[in-house]
Amino acid sequence: MSPVLRYKTFVTRQVKQVGRGPLPDGSPRMWSPITSTLIMGKHDAVLVDPPLTDAQAAEVGDCIDASGRTLRRIYITHGRGDHRFGAIPLMLRFPDASMLATSGSKNLMAAQIQSGFRKLFWDIVFP
Protein backbone atom coordinates (compact mmCIF):
# COMPACT_ATOMS: atom_id res chain seq x y z
CA MET A 1 0.00 0.00 0.00
CA SER A 2 1.37 3.44 -0.91
CA PRO A 3 1.57 6.20 1.72
CA VAL A 4 -1.31 8.66 1.96
CA LEU A 5 1.01 11.67 2.12
CA ARG A 6 4.12 12.30 0.08
CA TYR A 7 6.48 15.23 0.00
CA LYS A 8 8.96 16.84 -2.31
CA THR A 9 11.57 19.42 -1.37
CA PHE A 10 12.82 22.23 -3.58
CA VAL A 11 16.14 23.88 -2.76
CA THR A 12 16.71 27.20 -4.50
CA ARG A 13 19.99 28.33 -5.96
CA GLN A 14 21.83 31.03 -4.08
CA VAL A 15 20.95 34.61 -5.00
CA LYS A 16 23.60 37.30 -5.23
CA GLN A 17 23.17 40.13 -2.72
CA VAL A 18 23.85 43.26 -4.71
CA GLY A 19 23.40 46.18 -2.35
CA ARG A 20 25.61 45.18 0.58
CA GLY A 21 28.95 45.03 -1.19
CA PRO A 22 31.37 42.12 -1.39
CA LEU A 23 32.72 39.99 1.43
CA PRO A 24 36.11 40.98 2.89
CA ASP A 25 37.85 38.61 0.46
CA GLY A 26 36.17 40.36 -2.48
CA SER A 27 33.74 37.58 -3.33
CA PRO A 28 30.06 38.50 -3.73
CA ARG A 29 27.66 38.06 -0.83
CA MET A 30 25.20 35.30 -1.55
CA TRP A 31 21.82 34.62 0.06
CA SER A 32 21.52 31.13 1.49
CA PRO A 33 19.48 28.57 -0.44
CA ILE A 34 15.87 28.25 0.71
CA THR A 35 14.08 24.94 1.03
CA SER A 36 10.39 24.80 0.16
CA THR A 37 8.45 21.61 0.83
CA LEU A 38 5.40 20.43 -1.09
CA ILE A 39 3.27 18.07 1.01
CA MET A 40 0.98 16.09 -1.27
CA GLY A 41 -2.15 14.08 -0.68
CA LYS A 42 -3.96 12.15 -3.38
CA HIS A 43 -5.38 15.29 -5.03
CA ASP A 44 -4.29 18.36 -3.06
CA ALA A 45 -1.06 19.90 -1.80
CA VAL A 46 0.32 22.36 0.74
CA LEU A 47 3.50 24.33 0.11
CA VAL A 48 5.62 25.10 3.17
CA ASP A 49 7.92 28.15 2.93
CA PRO A 50 7.69 29.70 -0.52
CA PRO A 51 11.00 30.96 -1.91
CA LEU A 52 12.35 34.51 -2.11
CA THR A 53 12.25 35.66 -5.75
CA ASP A 54 9.68 35.65 -8.54
CA ALA A 55 11.98 33.42 -10.63
CA GLN A 56 12.32 30.91 -7.79
CA ALA A 57 8.54 30.99 -7.25
CA ALA A 58 8.03 30.24 -10.96
CA GLU A 59 10.31 27.19 -10.69
CA VAL A 60 8.44 25.94 -7.61
CA GLY A 61 5.14 26.64 -9.40
CA ASP A 62 6.27 24.49 -12.33
CA CYS A 63 7.01 21.64 -9.91
CA ILE A 64 3.60 22.06 -8.28
CA ASP A 65 1.96 21.85 -11.72
CA ALA A 66 4.03 18.76 -12.54
CA SER A 67 2.86 17.07 -9.32
CA GLY A 68 -0.69 16.93 -10.67
CA ARG A 69 -2.02 18.17 -7.32
CA THR A 70 -4.12 21.25 -6.61
CA LEU A 71 -2.29 23.72 -4.40
CA ARG A 72 -4.67 24.49 -1.53
CA ARG A 73 -2.46 26.22 1.04
CA ILE A 74 0.82 28.06 1.34
CA TYR A 75 2.17 27.87 4.89
CA ILE A 76 4.74 30.41 6.04
CA THR A 77 6.78 29.15 8.98
CA HIS A 78 8.22 32.52 9.97
CA GLY A 79 7.78 36.14 8.97
CA ARG A 80 11.08 37.02 7.29
CA GLY A 81 10.75 38.06 3.67
CA ASP A 82 12.95 35.31 2.30
CA HIS A 83 10.27 32.81 3.33
CA ARG A 84 7.24 34.78 2.21
CA PHE A 85 7.88 37.09 -0.77
CA GLY A 86 7.47 34.18 -3.21
CA ALA A 87 3.95 33.57 -1.87
CA ILE A 88 2.56 36.52 -3.84
CA PRO A 89 3.43 35.23 -7.35
CA LEU A 90 2.37 31.74 -6.27
CA MET A 91 -1.00 33.04 -5.04
CA LEU A 92 -1.45 34.78 -8.41
CA ARG A 93 -0.59 31.57 -10.26
CA PHE A 94 -2.74 29.37 -7.96
CA PRO A 95 -5.66 31.65 -7.03
CA ASP A 96 -7.57 28.90 -5.18
CA ALA A 97 -4.76 28.58 -2.63
CA SER A 98 -4.83 30.45 0.67
CA MET A 99 -1.93 31.52 2.84
CA LEU A 100 -1.47 30.44 6.46
CA ALA A 101 0.95 31.49 9.20
CA THR A 102 1.09 31.49 12.97
CA SER A 103 0.11 34.64 14.84
CA GLY A 104 3.78 35.21 15.70
CA SER A 105 4.73 35.09 12.02
CA LYS A 106 1.87 37.41 11.12
CA ASN A 107 2.96 39.86 13.84
CA LEU A 108 6.54 39.89 12.53
CA MET A 109 5.31 40.46 8.96
CA ALA A 110 3.11 43.36 10.10
CA ALA A 111 5.93 44.88 12.18
CA GLN A 112 8.34 44.70 9.25
CA ILE A 113 5.79 46.32 6.95
CA GLN A 114 5.02 49.10 9.44
CA SER A 115 8.69 49.80 10.13
CA GLY A 116 9.58 50.03 6.45
CA PHE A 117 12.00 47.10 6.86
CA ARG A 118 11.58 46.13 3.22
CA LYS A 119 13.03 49.48 2.08
CA LEU A 120 15.66 49.48 4.84
CA PHE A 121 16.89 45.97 4.14
CA TRP A 122 15.36 43.91 1.32
CA ASP A 123 15.35 46.68 -1.31
CA ILE A 124 19.01 47.42 -0.48
CA VAL A 125 20.16 43.79 -0.55
CA PHE A 126 18.19 43.03 -3.73
CA PRO A 127 17.66 46.37 -5.56
C-alpha atoms as a PDB file:
ATOM      1  CA  MET A   1       0.000   0.000   0.000  1.00  0.00           C
ATOM      2  CA  SER A   2       1.367   3.437  -0.909  1.00  0.00           C
ATOM      3  CA  PRO A   3       1.571   6.203   1.721  1.00  0.00           C
ATOM      4  CA  VAL A   4      -1.309   8.662   1.958  1.00  0.00           C
ATOM      5  CA  LEU A   5       1.009  11.666   2.117  1.00  0.00           C
ATOM      6  CA  ARG A   6       4.119  12.304   0.078  1.00  0.00           C
ATOM      7  CA  TYR A   7       6.479  15.234  -0.004  1.00  0.00           C
ATOM      8  CA  LYS A   8       8.964  16.843  -2.310  1.00  0.00           C
ATOM      9  CA  THR A   9      11.566  19.422  -1.368  1.00  0.00           C
ATOM     10  CA  PHE A  10      12.819  22.227  -3.577  1.00  0.00           C
ATOM     11  CA  VAL A  11      16.143  23.880  -2.758  1.00  0.00           C
ATOM     12  CA  THR A  12      16.709  27.202  -4.500  1.00  0.00           C
ATOM     13  CA  ARG A  13      19.986  28.332  -5.958  1.00  0.00           C
ATOM     14  CA  GLN A  14      21.830  31.035  -4.078  1.00  0.00           C
ATOM     15  CA  VAL A  15      20.947  34.614  -5.004  1.00  0.00           C
ATOM     16  CA  LYS A  16      23.601  37.300  -5.234  1.00  0.00           C
ATOM     17  CA  GLN A  17      23.168  40.131  -2.718  1.00  0.00           C
ATOM     18  CA  VAL A  18      23.854  43.262  -4.715  1.00  0.00           C
ATOM     19  CA  GLY A  19      23.400  46.183  -2.352  1.00  0.00           C
ATOM     20  CA  ARG A  20      25.609  45.180   0.578  1.00  0.00           C
ATOM     21  CA  GLY A  21      28.945  45.029  -1.192  1.00  0.00           C
ATOM     22  CA  PRO A  22      31.373  42.123  -1.391  1.00  0.00           C
ATOM     23  CA  LEU A  23      32.717  39.990   1.434  1.00  0.00           C
ATOM     24  CA  PRO A  24      36.113  40.980   2.894  1.00  0.00           C
ATOM     25  CA  ASP A  25      37.855  38.611   0.463  1.00  0.00           C
ATOM     26  CA  GLY A  26      36.167  40.365  -2.481  1.00  0.00           C
ATOM     27  CA  SER A  27      33.737  37.579  -3.332  1.00  0.00           C
ATOM     28  CA  PRO A  28      30.064  38.499  -3.725  1.00  0.00           C
ATOM     29  CA  ARG A  29      27.663  38.065  -0.829  1.00  0.00           C
ATOM     30  CA  MET A  30      25.202  35.295  -1.555  1.00  0.00           C
ATOM     31  CA  TRP A  31      21.819  34.622   0.060  1.00  0.00           C
ATOM     32  CA  SER A  32      21.517  31.125   1.490  1.00  0.00           C
ATOM     33  CA  PRO A  33      19.481  28.566  -0.437  1.00  0.00           C
ATOM     34  CA  ILE A  34      15.868  28.253   0.713  1.00  0.00           C
ATOM     35  CA  THR A  35      14.081  24.944   1.029  1.00  0.00           C
ATOM     36  CA  SER A  36      10.391  24.802   0.165  1.00  0.00           C
ATOM     37  CA  THR A  37       8.446  21.613   0.827  1.00  0.00           C
ATOM     38  CA  LEU A  38       5.402  20.426  -1.090  1.00  0.00           C
ATOM     39  CA  ILE A  39       3.271  18.066   1.010  1.00  0.00           C
ATOM     40  CA  MET A  40       0.977  16.093  -1.275  1.00  0.00           C
ATOM     41  CA  GLY A  41      -2.147  14.082  -0.684  1.00  0.00           C
ATOM     42  CA  LYS A  42      -3.957  12.153  -3.384  1.00  0.00           C
ATOM     43  CA  HIS A  43      -5.378  15.292  -5.033  1.00  0.00           C
ATOM     44  CA  ASP A  44      -4.287  18.356  -3.056  1.00  0.00           C
ATOM     45  CA  ALA A  45      -1.056  19.903  -1.804  1.00  0.00           C
ATOM     46  CA  VAL A  46       0.317  22.358   0.742  1.00  0.00           C
ATOM     47  CA  LEU A  47       3.502  24.335   0.110  1.00  0.00           C
ATOM     48  CA  VAL A  48       5.617  25.102   3.172  1.00  0.00           C
ATOM     49  CA  ASP A  49       7.917  28.153   2.928  1.00  0.00           C
ATOM     50  CA  PRO A  50       7.685  29.701  -0.523  1.00  0.00           C
ATOM     51  CA  PRO A  51      11.004  30.961  -1.910  1.00  0.00           C
ATOM     52  CA  LEU A  52      12.350  34.514  -2.113  1.00  0.00           C
ATOM     53  CA  THR A  53      12.251  35.664  -5.747  1.00  0.00           C
ATOM     54  CA  ASP A  54       9.685  35.650  -8.541  1.00  0.00           C
ATOM     55  CA  ALA A  55      11.976  33.421 -10.633  1.00  0.00           C
ATOM     56  CA  GLN A  56      12.316  30.911  -7.790  1.00  0.00           C
ATOM     57  CA  ALA A  57       8.539  30.989  -7.254  1.00  0.00           C
ATOM     58  CA  ALA A  58       8.029  30.241 -10.960  1.00  0.00           C
ATOM     59  CA  GLU A  59      10.311  27.188 -10.690  1.00  0.00           C
ATOM     60  CA  VAL A  60       8.435  25.941  -7.614  1.00  0.00           C
ATOM     61  CA  GLY A  61       5.141  26.636  -9.403  1.00  0.00           C
ATOM     62  CA  ASP A  62       6.269  24.487 -12.330  1.00  0.00           C
ATOM     63  CA  CYS A  63       7.008  21.636  -9.910  1.00  0.00           C
ATOM     64  CA  ILE A  64       3.597  22.065  -8.283  1.00  0.00           C
ATOM     65  CA  ASP A  65       1.958  21.848 -11.720  1.00  0.00           C
ATOM     66  CA  ALA A  66       4.035  18.760 -12.545  1.00  0.00           C
ATOM     67  CA  SER A  67       2.865  17.074  -9.323  1.00  0.00           C
ATOM     68  CA  GLY A  68      -0.686  16.933 -10.670  1.00  0.00           C
ATOM     69  CA  ARG A  69      -2.021  18.173  -7.319  1.00  0.00           C
ATOM     70  CA  THR A  70      -4.119  21.245  -6.615  1.00  0.00           C
ATOM     71  CA  LEU A  71      -2.292  23.722  -4.398  1.00  0.00           C
ATOM     72  CA  ARG A  72      -4.666  24.493  -1.526  1.00  0.00           C
ATOM     73  CA  ARG A  73      -2.464  26.216   1.042  1.00  0.00           C
ATOM     74  CA  ILE A  74       0.818  28.059   1.340  1.00  0.00           C
ATOM     75  CA  TYR A  75       2.172  27.867   4.887  1.00  0.00           C
ATOM     76  CA  ILE A  76       4.737  30.415   6.036  1.00  0.00           C
ATOM     77  CA  THR A  77       6.777  29.149   8.979  1.00  0.00           C
ATOM     78  CA  HIS A  78       8.222  32.521   9.965  1.00  0.00           C
ATOM     79  CA  GLY A  79       7.781  36.136   8.969  1.00  0.00           C
ATOM     80  CA  ARG A  80      11.079  37.015   7.293  1.00  0.00           C
ATOM     81  CA  GLY A  81      10.745  38.064   3.670  1.00  0.00           C
ATOM     82  CA  ASP A  82      12.948  35.309   2.304  1.00  0.00           C
ATOM     83  CA  HIS A  83      10.273  32.808   3.332  1.00  0.00           C
ATOM     84  CA  ARG A  84       7.236  34.784   2.209  1.00  0.00           C
ATOM     85  CA  PHE A  85       7.880  37.086  -0.775  1.00  0.00           C
ATOM     86  CA  GLY A  86       7.467  34.176  -3.211  1.00  0.00           C
ATOM     87  CA  ALA A  87       3.951  33.567  -1.868  1.00  0.00           C
ATOM     88  CA  ILE A  88       2.562  36.515  -3.844  1.00  0.00           C
ATOM     89  CA  PRO A  89       3.433  35.231  -7.346  1.00  0.00           C
ATOM     90  CA  LEU A  90       2.370  31.736  -6.273  1.00  0.00           C
ATOM     91  CA  MET A  91      -1.000  33.035  -5.044  1.00  0.00           C
ATOM     92  CA  LEU A  92      -1.452  34.777  -8.408  1.00  0.00           C
ATOM     93  CA  ARG A  93      -0.592  31.568 -10.256  1.00  0.00           C
ATOM     94  CA  PHE A  94      -2.736  29.374  -7.961  1.00  0.00           C
ATOM     95  CA  PRO A  95      -5.662  31.648  -7.033  1.00  0.00           C
ATOM     96  CA  ASP A  96      -7.573  28.898  -5.177  1.00  0.00           C
ATOM     97  CA  ALA A  97      -4.761  28.582  -2.627  1.00  0.00           C
ATOM     98  CA  SER A  98      -4.831  30.445   0.668  1.00  0.00           C
ATOM     99  CA  MET A  99      -1.929  31.521   2.840  1.00  0.00           C
ATOM    100  CA  LEU A 100      -1.467  30.436   6.458  1.00  0.00           C
ATOM    101  CA  ALA A 101       0.945  31.490   9.196  1.00  0.00           C
ATOM    102  CA  THR A 102       1.092  31.486  12.967  1.00  0.00           C
ATOM    103  CA  SER A 103       0.109  34.641  14.839  1.00  0.00           C
ATOM    104  CA  GLY A 104       3.780  35.211  15.696  1.00  0.00           C
ATOM    105  CA  SER A 105       4.734  35.091  12.025  1.00  0.00           C
ATOM    106  CA  LYS A 106       1.866  37.410  11.125  1.00  0.00           C
ATOM    107  CA  ASN A 107       2.959  39.855  13.838  1.00  0.00           C
ATOM    108  CA  LEU A 108       6.540  39.889  12.528  1.00  0.00           C
ATOM    109  CA  MET A 109       5.307  40.462   8.959  1.00  0.00           C
ATOM    110  CA  ALA A 110       3.106  43.356  10.105  1.00  0.00           C
ATOM    111  CA  ALA A 111       5.926  44.879  12.182  1.00  0.00           C
ATOM    112  CA  GLN A 112       8.340  44.703   9.255  1.00  0.00           C
ATOM    113  CA  ILE A 113       5.792  46.323   6.947  1.00  0.00           C
ATOM    114  CA  GLN A 114       5.017  49.104   9.441  1.00  0.00           C
ATOM    115  CA  SER A 115       8.691  49.797  10.130  1.00  0.00           C
ATOM    116  CA  GLY A 116       9.583  50.031   6.448  1.00  0.00           C
ATOM    117  CA  PHE A 117      12.001  47.104   6.857  1.00  0.00           C
ATOM    118  CA  ARG A 118      11.579  46.133   3.218  1.00  0.00           C
ATOM    119  CA  LYS A 119      13.027  49.479   2.076  1.00  0.00           C
ATOM    120  CA  LEU A 120      15.655  49.481   4.838  1.00  0.00           C
ATOM    121  CA  PHE A 121      16.895  45.970   4.141  1.00  0.00           C
ATOM    122  CA  TRP A 122      15.363  43.913   1.322  1.00  0.00           C
ATOM    123  CA  ASP A 123      15.353  46.680  -1.309  1.00  0.00           C
ATOM    124  CA  ILE A 124      19.007  47.421  -0.476  1.00  0.00           C
ATOM    125  CA  VAL A 125      20.157  43.790  -0.548  1.00  0.00           C
ATOM    126  CA  PHE A 126      18.189  43.025  -3.733  1.00  0.00           C
ATOM    127  CA  PRO A 127      17.664  46.375  -5.564  1.00  0.00           C
END
